[in-house]
Amino acid sequence: MVRNIYIVNATIVDANGAYATLTGYPKTFDSRNYNGDSDKALKRAEGEFCEVWGAFCKRDDRQVQTVTLSMVNGKLIDRKSMGDIAQDPDPEPEPQPEPEEPEQ
């Protein structure tokens, strides 16, 4: 039997712009833990992926939320993301000193 390992990862950029991987992630689903059944391992990984995406859809306090499902060799199976990083405002221009008038 072919062994497969699937990985679910969940990352966010919070309201303050801090990037983080959610606690408990990445999670791995190894077919060895399912009696060598790669299909069952993938199904469990897909279930976790969907749970995370469902939780993300109920949050509005983050700039970016991304969940990925991949194989251990890096092949991406699925990816969902929402949001965009907020742009930093342009800094206020510094006030320029008024030119001095020449003395007469």
PDB file of N, CA and C in Angstrom:
ATOM      1  N   MET A   1       0.832  -1.192   0.000  1.00  0.00           N
ATOM      2  CA  MET A   1       0.000   0.000   0.000  1.00  0.00           C
ATOM      3  C   MET A   1       0.869   1.246   0.000  1.00  0.00           C
ATOM      4  N   VAL A   2       0.378   2.261  -0.654  1.00  0.00           N
ATOM      5  CA  VAL A   2       1.082   3.519  -0.711  1.00  0.00           C
ATOM      6  C   VAL A   2       0.736   4.340   0.531  1.00  0.00           C
ATOM      7  N   ARG A   3       1.739   4.854   1.155  1.00  0.00           N
ATOM      8  CA  ARG A   3       1.535   5.716   2.320  1.00  0.00           C
ATOM      9  C   ARG A   3       1.406   7.153   1.855  1.00  0.00           C
ATOM     10  N   ASN A   4       0.409   7.858   2.385  1.00  0.00           N
ATOM     11  CA  ASN A   4       0.236   9.281   2.105  1.00  0.00           C
ATOM     12  C   ASN A   4       0.053  10.035   3.410  1.00  0.00           C
ATOM     13  N   ILE A   5       0.603  11.223   3.426  1.00  0.00           N
ATOM     14  CA  ILE A   5       0.438  12.118   4.576  1.00  0.00           C
ATOM     15  C   ILE A   5      -0.123  13.427   4.040  1.00  0.00           C
ATOM     16  N   TYR A   6      -1.220  13.858   4.635  1.00  0.00           N
ATOM     17  CA  TYR A   6      -1.884  15.102   4.245  1.00  0.00           C
ATOM     18  C   TYR A   6      -1.713  16.111   5.367  1.00  0.00           C
ATOM     19  N   ILE A   7      -1.575  17.362   4.990  1.00  0.00           N
ATOM     20  CA  ILE A   7      -1.320  18.422   5.964  1.00  0.00           C
ATOM     21  C   ILE A   7      -2.345  19.531   5.791  1.00  0.00           C
ATOM     22  N   VAL A   8      -2.981  19.918   6.894  1.00  0.00           N
ATOM     23  CA  VAL A   8      -3.891  21.065   6.911  1.00  0.00           C
ATOM     24  C   VAL A   8      -3.195  22.153   7.720  1.00  0.00           C
ATOM     25  N   ASN A   9      -3.104  23.348   7.137  1.00  0.00           N
ATOM     26  CA  ASN A   9      -2.482  24.470   7.829  1.00  0.00           C
ATOM     27  C   ASN A   9      -3.429  25.667   7.801  1.00  0.00           C
ATOM     28  N   ALA A  10      -3.410  26.455   8.848  1.00  0.00           N
ATOM     29  CA  ALA A  10      -4.286  27.612   8.974  1.00  0.00           C
ATOM     30  C   ALA A  10      -3.479  28.806   9.464  1.00  0.00           C
ATOM     31  N   THR A  11      -3.498  29.880   8.672  1.00  0.00           N
ATOM     32  CA  THR A  11      -2.754  31.084   9.029  1.00  0.00           C
ATOM     33  C   THR A  11      -3.666  32.298   8.926  1.00  0.00           C
ATOM     34  N   ILE A  12      -3.301  33.338   9.674  1.00  0.00           N
ATOM     35  CA  ILE A  12      -4.084  34.576   9.669  1.00  0.00           C
ATOM     36  C   ILE A  12      -3.154  35.787   9.710  1.00  0.00           C
ATOM     37  N   VAL A  13      -3.695  36.920   9.320  1.00  0.00           N
ATOM     38  CA  VAL A  13      -3.123  38.220   9.634  1.00  0.00           C
ATOM     39  C   VAL A  13      -4.210  38.905  10.444  1.00  0.00           C
ATOM     40  N   ASP A  14      -3.933  39.194  11.706  1.00  0.00           N
ATOM     41  CA  ASP A  14      -4.978  39.735  12.582  1.00  0.00           C
ATOM     42  C   ASP A  14      -5.262  41.207  12.288  1.00  0.00           C
ATOM     43  N   ALA A  15      -6.172  41.772  13.054  1.00  0.00           N
ATOM     44  CA  ALA A  15      -6.602  43.152  12.831  1.00  0.00           C
ATOM     45  C   ALA A  15      -5.449  44.145  12.969  1.00  0.00           C
ATOM     46  N   ASN A  16      -4.428  43.787  13.733  1.00  0.00           N
ATOM     47  CA  ASN A  16      -3.275  44.676  13.938  1.00  0.00           C
ATOM     48  C   ASN A  16      -2.163  44.445  12.921  1.00  0.00           C
ATOM     49  N   GLY A  17      -2.358  43.487  12.016  1.00  0.00           N
ATOM     50  CA  GLY A  17      -1.361  43.218  11.000  1.00  0.00           C
ATOM     51  C   GLY A  17      -0.343  42.162  11.375  1.00  0.00           C
ATOM     52  N   ALA A  18      -0.549  41.467  12.488  1.00  0.00           N
ATOM     53  CA  ALA A  18       0.390  40.426  12.923  1.00  0.00           C
ATOM     54  C   ALA A  18       0.053  39.101  12.235  1.00  0.00           C
ATOM     55  N   TYR A  19       1.064  38.470  11.628  1.00  0.00           N
ATOM     56  CA  TYR A  19       0.911  37.175  10.966  1.00  0.00           C
ATOM     57  C   TYR A  19       1.065  36.073  12.001  1.00  0.00           C
ATOM     58  N   ALA A  20       0.216  35.046  11.928  1.00  0.00           N
ATOM     59  CA  ALA A  20       0.317  33.933  12.872  1.00  0.00           C
ATOM     60  C   ALA A  20      -0.245  32.661  12.260  1.00  0.00           C
ATOM     61  N   THR A  21       0.333  31.545  12.683  1.00  0.00           N
ATOM     62  CA  THR A  21      -0.242  30.237  12.393  1.00  0.00           C
ATOM     63  C   THR A  21      -1.131  29.914  13.580  1.00  0.00           C
ATOM     64  N   LEU A  22      -2.353  29.463  13.318  1.00  0.00           N
ATOM     65  CA  LEU A  22      -3.270  29.171  14.411  1.00  0.00           C
ATOM     66  C   LEU A  22      -2.713  28.061  15.301  1.00  0.00           C
ATOM     67  N   THR A  23      -2.999  28.145  16.589  1.00  0.00           N
ATOM     68  CA  THR A  23      -2.563  27.150  17.550  1.00  0.00           C
ATOM     69  C   THR A  23      -3.079  25.773  17.141  1.00  0.00           C
ATOM     70  N   GLY A  24      -2.198  24.805  17.166  1.00  0.00           N
ATOM     71  CA  GLY A  24      -2.565  23.437  16.826  1.00  0.00           C
ATOM     72  C   GLY A  24      -2.331  23.071  15.367  1.00  0.00           C
ATOM     73  N   TYR A  25      -1.886  24.040  14.581  1.00  0.00           N
ATOM     74  CA  TYR A  25      -1.639  23.789  13.159  1.00  0.00           C
ATOM     75  C   TYR A  25      -0.157  23.947  12.879  1.00  0.00           C
ATOM     76  N   PRO A  26       0.323  23.253  11.880  1.00  0.00           N
ATOM     77  CA  PRO A  26      -0.355  22.376  10.942  1.00  0.00           C
ATOM     78  C   PRO A  26      -0.743  21.041  11.595  1.00  0.00           C
ATOM     79  N   LYS A  27      -1.803  20.422  11.051  1.00  0.00           N
ATOM     80  CA  LYS A  27      -2.255  19.096  11.483  1.00  0.00           C
ATOM     81  C   LYS A  27      -1.957  18.115  10.364  1.00  0.00           C
ATOM     82  N   THR A  28      -1.466  16.934  10.743  1.00  0.00           N
ATOM     83  CA  THR A  28      -1.142  15.918   9.748  1.00  0.00           C
ATOM     84  C   THR A  28      -2.113  14.744   9.848  1.00  0.00           C
ATOM     85  N   PHE A  29      -2.392  14.151   8.712  1.00  0.00           N
ATOM     86  CA  PHE A  29      -3.276  13.000   8.606  1.00  0.00           C
ATOM     87  C   PHE A  29      -2.522  11.939   7.810  1.00  0.00           C
ATOM     88  N   ASP A  30      -1.971  10.958   8.537  1.00  0.00           N
ATOM     89  CA  ASP A  30      -1.114   9.928   7.965  1.00  0.00           C
ATOM     90  C   ASP A  30      -1.945   8.677   7.704  1.00  0.00           C
ATOM     91  N   SER A  31      -1.845   8.138   6.508  1.00  0.00           N
ATOM     92  CA  SER A  31      -2.620   6.935   6.174  1.00  0.00           C
ATOM     93  C   SER A  31      -2.252   5.761   7.085  1.00  0.00           C
ATOM     94  N   ARG A  32      -1.061   5.764   7.685  1.00  0.00           N
ATOM     95  CA  ARG A  32      -0.692   4.708   8.634  1.00  0.00           C
ATOM     96  C   ARG A  32      -1.630   4.689   9.834  1.00  0.00           C
ATOM     97  N   ASN A  33      -2.156   5.855  10.200  1.00  0.00           N
ATOM     98  CA  ASN A  33      -3.076   5.937  11.346  1.00  0.00           C
ATOM     99  C   ASN A  33      -4.487   5.481  10.989  1.00  0.00           C
ATOM    100  N   TYR A  34      -4.724   5.187   9.730  1.00  0.00           N
ATOM    101  CA  TYR A  34      -6.036   4.737   9.258  1.00  0.00           C
ATOM    102  C   TYR A  34      -5.891   3.387   8.564  1.00  0.00           C
ATOM    103  N   ASN A  35      -5.087   2.499   9.172  1.00  0.00           N
ATOM    104  CA  ASN A  35      -4.850   1.144   8.653  1.00  0.00           C
ATOM    105  C   ASN A  35      -4.400   1.145   7.196  1.00  0.00           C
ATOM    106  N   GLY A  36      -3.579   2.117   6.831  1.00  0.00           N
ATOM    107  CA  GLY A  36      -3.051   2.195   5.480  1.00  0.00           C
ATOM    108  C   GLY A  36      -4.044   2.713   4.455  1.00  0.00           C
ATOM    109  N   ASP A  37      -5.199   3.193   4.920  1.00  0.00           N
ATOM    110  CA  ASP A  37      -6.251   3.666   4.008  1.00  0.00           C
ATOM    111  C   ASP A  37      -6.022   5.143   3.676  1.00  0.00           C
ATOM    112  N   SER A  38      -5.420   5.373   2.515  1.00  0.00           N
ATOM    113  CA  SER A  38      -5.107   6.739   2.088  1.00  0.00           C
ATOM    114  C   SER A  38      -6.370   7.560   1.846  1.00  0.00           C
ATOM    115  N   ASP A  39      -7.415   6.929   1.329  1.00  0.00           N
ATOM    116  CA  ASP A  39      -8.669   7.638   1.075  1.00  0.00           C
ATOM    117  C   ASP A  39      -9.299   8.139   2.369  1.00  0.00           C
ATOM    118  N   LYS A  40      -9.237   7.315   3.401  1.00  0.00           N
ATOM    119  CA  LYS A  40      -9.795   7.715   4.693  1.00  0.00           C
ATOM    120  C   LYS A  40      -8.991   8.866   5.299  1.00  0.00           C
ATOM    121  N   ALA A  41      -7.679   8.806   5.178  1.00  0.00           N
ATOM    122  CA  ALA A  41      -6.826   9.885   5.688  1.00  0.00           C
ATOM    123  C   ALA A  41      -7.136  11.187   4.959  1.00  0.00           C
ATOM    124  N   LEU A  42      -7.298  11.104   3.645  1.00  0.00           N
ATOM    125  CA  LEU A  42      -7.637  12.301   2.871  1.00  0.00           C
ATOM    126  C   LEU A  42      -9.006  12.841   3.269  1.00  0.00           C
ATOM    127  N   LYS A  43      -9.959  11.951   3.477  1.00  0.00           N
ATOM    128  CA  LYS A  43     -11.302  12.388   3.881  1.00  0.00           C
ATOM    129  C   LYS A  43     -11.264  13.109   5.227  1.00  0.00           C
ATOM    130  N   ARG A  44     -10.484  12.598   6.159  1.00  0.00           N
ATOM    131  CA  ARG A  44     -10.357  13.253   7.475  1.00  0.00           C
ATOM    132  C   ARG A  44      -9.680  14.617   7.331  1.00  0.00           C
ATOM    133  N   ALA A  45      -8.663  14.683   6.485  1.00  0.00           N
ATOM    134  CA  ALA A  45      -7.976  15.954   6.254  1.00  0.00           C
ATOM    135  C   ALA A  45      -8.915  16.961   5.604  1.00  0.00           C
ATOM    136  N   GLU A  46      -9.713  16.502   4.641  1.00  0.00           N
ATOM    137  CA  GLU A  46     -10.684  17.391   3.994  1.00  0.00           C
ATOM    138  C   GLU A  46     -11.727  17.876   5.000  1.00  0.00           C
ATOM    139  N   GLY A  47     -12.126  17.022   5.919  1.00  0.00           N
ATOM    140  CA  GLY A  47     -13.064  17.422   6.965  1.00  0.00           C
ATOM    141  C   GLY A  47     -12.489  18.525   7.841  1.00  0.00           C
ATOM    142  N   GLU A  48     -11.229  18.383   8.215  1.00  0.00           N
ATOM    143  CA  GLU A  48     -10.552  19.419   9.024  1.00  0.00           C
ATOM    144  C   GLU A  48     -10.447  20.710   8.242  1.00  0.00           C
ATOM    145  N   PHE A  49     -10.060  20.614   6.983  1.00  0.00           N
ATOM    146  CA  PHE A  49      -9.964  21.774   6.099  1.00  0.00           C
ATOM    147  C   PHE A  49     -11.292  22.527   6.063  1.00  0.00           C
ATOM    148  N   CYS A  50     -12.383  21.799   5.885  1.00  0.00           N
ATOM    149  CA  CYS A  50     -13.710  22.430   5.815  1.00  0.00           C
ATOM    150  C   CYS A  50     -14.134  23.035   7.147  1.00  0.00           C
ATOM    151  N   GLU A  51     -13.772  22.394   8.244  1.00  0.00           N
ATOM    152  CA  GLU A  51     -14.090  22.956   9.569  1.00  0.00           C
ATOM    153  C   GLU A  51     -13.396  24.296   9.776  1.00  0.00           C
ATOM    154  N   VAL A  52     -12.131  24.352   9.414  1.00  0.00           N
ATOM    155  CA  VAL A  52     -11.375  25.598   9.566  1.00  0.00           C
ATOM    156  C   VAL A  52     -11.988  26.677   8.681  1.00  0.00           C
ATOM    157  N   TRP A  53     -12.280  26.341   7.437  1.00  0.00           N
ATOM    158  CA  TRP A  53     -12.869  27.325   6.529  1.00  0.00           C
ATOM    159  C   TRP A  53     -14.206  27.822   7.079  1.00  0.00           C
ATOM    160  N   GLY A  54     -15.022  26.926   7.620  1.00  0.00           N
ATOM    161  CA  GLY A  54     -16.294  27.318   8.221  1.00  0.00           C
ATOM    162  C   GLY A  54     -16.098  28.284   9.380  1.00  0.00           C
ATOM    163  N   ALA A  55     -15.108  28.016  10.215  1.00  0.00           N
ATOM    164  CA  ALA A  55     -14.816  28.916  11.339  1.00  0.00           C
ATOM    165  C   ALA A  55     -14.341  30.274  10.827  1.00  0.00           C
ATOM    166  N   PHE A  56     -13.515  30.270   9.779  1.00  0.00           N
ATOM    167  CA  PHE A  56     -13.045  31.529   9.206  1.00  0.00           C
ATOM    168  C   PHE A  56     -14.207  32.364   8.675  1.00  0.00           C
ATOM    169  N   CYS A  57     -15.178  31.715   8.081  1.00  0.00           N
ATOM    170  CA  CYS A  57     -16.315  32.440   7.493  1.00  0.00           C
ATOM    171  C   CYS A  57     -17.173  33.133   8.551  1.00  0.00           C
ATOM    172  N   LYS A  58     -16.983  32.771   9.802  1.00  0.00           N
ATOM    173  CA  LYS A  58     -17.760  33.378  10.893  1.00  0.00           C
ATOM    174  C   LYS A  58     -16.983  34.477  11.610  1.00  0.00           C
ATOM    175  N   ARG A  59     -15.800  34.842  11.106  1.00  0.00           N
ATOM    176  CA  ARG A  59     -14.965  35.862  11.727  1.00  0.00           C
ATOM    177  C   ARG A  59     -14.805  37.055  10.797  1.00  0.00           C
ATOM    178  N   ASP A  60     -14.940  38.243  11.359  1.00  0.00           N
ATOM    179  CA  ASP A  60     -14.752  39.475  10.595  1.00  0.00           C
ATOM    180  C   ASP A  60     -13.653  40.353  11.181  1.00  0.00           C
ATOM    181  N   ASP A  61     -12.916  39.839  12.156  1.00  0.00           N
ATOM    182  CA  ASP A  61     -11.939  40.655  12.866  1.00  0.00           C
ATOM    183  C   ASP A  61     -10.499  40.401  12.434  1.00  0.00           C
ATOM    184  N   ARG A  62     -10.319  39.778  11.278  1.00  0.00           N
ATOM    185  CA  ARG A  62      -8.973  39.506  10.774  1.00  0.00           C
ATOM    186  C   ARG A  62      -8.834  40.089   9.377  1.00  0.00           C
ATOM    187  N   GLN A  63      -7.619  40.490   9.037  1.00  0.00           N
ATOM    188  CA  GLN A  63      -7.382  41.034   7.702  1.00  0.00           C
ATOM    189  C   GLN A  63      -7.330  39.929   6.656  1.00  0.00           C
ATOM    190  N   VAL A  64      -6.622  38.831   6.965  1.00  0.00           N
ATOM    191  CA  VAL A  64      -6.462  37.720   6.028  1.00  0.00           C
ATOM    192  C   VAL A  64      -6.601  36.410   6.805  1.00  0.00           C
ATOM    193  N   GLN A  65      -7.282  35.438   6.186  1.00  0.00           N
ATOM    194  CA  GLN A  65      -7.408  34.101   6.755  1.00  0.00           C
ATOM    195  C   GLN A  65      -7.192  33.107   5.616  1.00  0.00           C
ATOM    196  N   THR A  66      -6.289  32.156   5.828  1.00  0.00           N
ATOM    197  CA  THR A  66      -5.968  31.189   4.781  1.00  0.00           C
ATOM    198  C   THR A  66      -5.879  29.795   5.371  1.00  0.00           C
ATOM    199  N   VAL A  67      -6.491  28.845   4.688  1.00  0.00           N
ATOM    200  CA  VAL A  67      -6.377  27.437   5.065  1.00  0.00           C
ATOM    201  C   VAL A  67      -5.922  26.667   3.826  1.00  0.00           C
ATOM    202  N   THR A  68      -4.972  25.762   4.036  1.00  0.00           N
ATOM    203  CA  THR A  68      -4.458  24.960   2.923  1.00  0.00           C
ATOM    204  C   THR A  68      -4.522  23.477   3.273  1.00  0.00           C
ATOM    205  N   LEU A  69      -4.683  22.673   2.238  1.00  0.00           N
ATOM    206  CA  LEU A  69      -4.610  21.218   2.342  1.00  0.00           C
ATOM    207  C   LEU A  69      -3.585  20.769   1.312  1.00  0.00           C
ATOM    208  N   SER A  70      -2.523  20.120   1.779  1.00  0.00           N
ATOM    209  CA  SER A  70      -1.461  19.695   0.867  1.00  0.00           C
ATOM    210  C   SER A  70      -0.987  18.304   1.240  1.00  0.00           C
ATOM    211  N   MET A  71      -0.195  17.742   0.326  1.00  0.00           N
ATOM    212  CA  MET A  71       0.456  16.469   0.607  1.00  0.00           C
ATOM    213  C   MET A  71       1.826  16.769   1.208  1.00  0.00           C
ATOM    214  N   VAL A  72       2.408  15.785   1.838  1.00  0.00           N
ATOM    215  CA  VAL A  72       3.691  15.979   2.496  1.00  0.00           C
ATOM    216  C   VAL A  72       4.784  16.368   1.499  1.00  0.00           C
ATOM    217  N   ASN A  73       4.625  16.022   0.225  1.00  0.00           N
ATOM    218  CA  ASN A  73       5.621  16.385  -0.783  1.00  0.00           C
ATOM    219  C   ASN A  73       5.439  17.816  -1.298  1.00  0.00           C
ATOM    220  N   GLY A  74       4.467  18.536  -0.740  1.00  0.00           N
ATOM    221  CA  GLY A  74       4.255  19.931  -1.112  1.00  0.00           C
ATOM    222  C   GLY A  74       3.171  20.154  -2.143  1.00  0.00           C
ATOM    223  N   LYS A  75       2.634  19.079  -2.732  1.00  0.00           N
ATOM    224  CA  LYS A  75       1.573  19.232  -3.723  1.00  0.00           C
ATOM    225  C   LYS A  75       0.328  19.800  -3.051  1.00  0.00           C
ATOM    226  N   LEU A  76      -0.134  20.940  -3.561  1.00  0.00           N
ATOM    227  CA  LEU A  76      -1.308  21.614  -3.004  1.00  0.00           C
ATOM    228  C   LEU A  76      -2.572  20.933  -3.523  1.00  0.00           C
ATOM    229  N   ILE A  77      -3.429  20.517  -2.606  1.00  0.00           N
ATOM    230  CA  ILE A  77      -4.698  19.882  -2.972  1.00  0.00           C
ATOM    231  C   ILE A  77      -5.808  20.923  -3.001  1.00  0.00           C
ATOM    232  N   ASP A  78      -5.856  21.786  -1.983  1.00  0.00           N
ATOM    233  CA  ASP A  78      -6.880  22.822  -1.923  1.00  0.00           C
ATOM    234  C   ASP A  78      -6.371  23.979  -1.090  1.00  0.00           C
ATOM    235  N   ARG A  79      -6.906  25.163  -1.393  1.00  0.00           N
ATOM    236  CA  ARG A  79      -6.527  26.378  -0.667  1.00  0.00           C
ATOM    237  C   ARG A  79      -7.704  27.331  -0.709  1.00  0.00           C
ATOM    238  N   LYS A  80      -8.036  27.893   0.425  1.00  0.00           N
ATOM    239  CA  LYS A  80      -9.070  28.926   0.493  1.00  0.00           C
ATOM    240  C   LYS A  80      -8.517  30.081   1.318  1.00  0.00           C
ATOM    241  N   SER A  81      -8.820  31.293   0.857  1.00  0.00           N
ATOM    242  CA  SER A  81      -8.334  32.470   1.550  1.00  0.00           C
ATOM    243  C   SER A  81      -9.336  33.594   1.393  1.00  0.00           C
ATOM    244  N   MET A  82      -9.406  34.443   2.392  1.00  0.00           N
ATOM    245  CA  MET A  82     -10.256  35.630   2.300  1.00  0.00           C
ATOM    246  C   MET A  82      -9.532  36.802   2.918  1.00  0.00           C
ATOM    247  N   GLY A  83      -9.822  37.975   2.373  1.00  0.00           N
ATOM    248  CA  GLY A  83      -9.251  39.197   2.920  1.00  0.00           C
ATOM    249  C   GLY A  83      -8.032  39.655   2.152  1.00  0.00           C
ATOM    250  N   ASP A  84      -7.526  40.779   2.600  1.00  0.00           N
ATOM    251  CA  ASP A  84      -6.350  41.385   2.001  1.00  0.00           C
ATOM    252  C   ASP A  84      -5.674  42.221   3.076  1.00  0.00           C
ATOM    253  N   ILE A  85      -4.386  42.333   2.995  1.00  0.00           N
ATOM    254  CA  ILE A  85      -3.644  43.110   3.990  1.00  0.00           C
ATOM    255  C   ILE A  85      -3.939  44.585   3.773  1.00  0.00           C
ATOM    256  N   ALA A  86      -4.331  45.247   4.843  1.00  0.00           N
ATOM    257  CA  ALA A  86      -4.626  46.679   4.771  1.00  0.00           C
ATOM    258  C   ALA A  86      -3.344  47.447   4.482  1.00  0.00           C
ATOM    259  N   GLN A  87      -3.470  48.444   3.650  1.00  0.00           N
ATOM    260  CA  GLN A  87      -2.321  49.279   3.320  1.00  0.00           C
ATOM    261  C   GLN A  87      -2.076  50.271   4.446  1.00  0.00           C
ATOM    262  N   ASP A  88      -0.817  50.464   4.754  1.00  0.00           N
ATOM    263  CA  ASP A  88      -0.471  51.481   5.744  1.00  0.00           C
ATOM    264  C   ASP A  88      -0.769  52.844   5.136  1.00  0.00           C
ATOM    265  N   PRO A  89      -1.336  53.738   5.914  1.00  0.00           N
ATOM    266  CA  PRO A  89      -1.608  55.070   5.363  1.00  0.00           C
ATOM    267  C   PRO A  89      -0.307  55.782   5.012  1.00  0.00           C
ATOM    268  N   ASP A  90      -0.375  56.630   3.998  1.00  0.00           N
ATOM    269  CA  ASP A  90       0.798  57.422   3.645  1.00  0.00           C
ATOM    270  C   ASP A  90       1.114  58.350   4.805  1.00  0.00           C
ATOM    271  N   PRO A  91       2.393  58.465   5.155  1.00  0.00           N
ATOM    272  CA  PRO A  91       2.734  59.351   6.268  1.00  0.00           C
ATOM    273  C   PRO A  91       2.411  60.808   5.904  1.00  0.00           C
ATOM    274  N   GLU A  92       2.041  61.535   6.941  1.00  0.00           N
ATOM    275  CA  GLU A  92       1.767  62.958   6.744  1.00  0.00           C
ATOM    276  C   GLU A  92       3.074  63.650   6.360  1.00  0.00           C
ATOM    277  N   PRO A  93       3.028  64.529   5.364  1.00  0.00           N
ATOM    278  CA  PRO A  93       4.266  65.246   5.033  1.00  0.00           C
ATOM    279  C   PRO A  93       4.659  66.157   6.191  1.00  0.00           C
ATOM    280  N   GLU A  94       5.951  66.234   6.417  1.00  0.00           N
ATOM    281  CA  GLU A  94       6.424  67.092   7.495  1.00  0.00           C
ATOM    282  C   GLU A  94       6.266  68.543   7.073  1.00  0.00           C
ATOM    283  N   PRO A  95       5.847  69.386   8.011  1.00  0.00           N
ATOM    284  CA  PRO A  95       5.679  70.795   7.655  1.00  0.00           C
ATOM    285  C   PRO A  95       7.031  71.419   7.276  1.00  0.00           C
ATOM    286  N   GLN A  96       7.006  72.190   6.242  1.00  0.00           N
ATOM    287  CA  GLN A  96       8.227  72.854   5.773  1.00  0.00           C
ATOM    288  C   GLN A  96       8.321  74.216   6.464  1.00  0.00           C
ATOM    289  N   PRO A  97       9.516  74.558   6.932  1.00  0.00           N
ATOM    290  CA  PRO A  97       9.656  75.878   7.565  1.00  0.00           C
ATOM    291  C   PRO A  97       9.428  76.962   6.511  1.00  0.00           C
ATOM    292  N   GLU A  98       8.827  78.036   6.974  1.00  0.00           N
ATOM    293  CA  GLU A  98       8.573  79.164   6.063  1.00  0.00           C
ATOM    294  C   GLU A  98       9.914  79.807   5.732  1.00  0.00           C
ATOM    295  N   PRO A  99      10.100  80.216   4.472  1.00  0.00           N
ATOM    296  CA  PRO A  99      11.382  80.850   4.119  1.00  0.00           C
ATOM    297  C   PRO A  99      11.530  82.179   4.863  1.00  0.00           C
ATOM    298  N   GLU A 100      12.761  82.407   5.271  1.00  0.00           N
ATOM    299  CA  GLU A 100      13.019  83.656   5.984  1.00  0.00           C
ATOM    300  C   GLU A 100      13.096  84.795   4.985  1.00  0.00           C
ATOM    301  N   GLU A 101      12.571  85.938   5.394  1.00  0.00           N
ATOM    302  CA  GLU A 101      12.642  87.101   4.517  1.00  0.00           C
ATOM    303  C   GLU A 101      14.006  87.735   4.671  1.00  0.00           C
ATOM    304  N   PRO A 102      14.606  88.152   3.577  1.00  0.00           N
ATOM    305  CA  PRO A 102      15.931  88.791   3.673  1.00  0.00           C
ATOM    306  C   PRO A 102      15.806  90.127   4.406  1.00  0.00           C
ATOM    307  N   GLU A 103      16.841  90.387   5.201  1.00  0.00           N
ATOM    308  CA  GLU A 103      16.845  91.653   5.928  1.00  0.00           C
ATOM    309  C   GLU A 103      17.196  92.795   4.973  1.00  0.00           C
ATOM    310  N   GLN A 104      16.604  93.931   5.207  1.00  0.00           N
ATOM    311  CA  GLN A 104      16.869  95.090   4.334  1.00  0.00           C
ATOM    312  C   GLN A 104      17.549  96.181   5.078  1.00  0.00           C
TER     313      GLN A 104
END
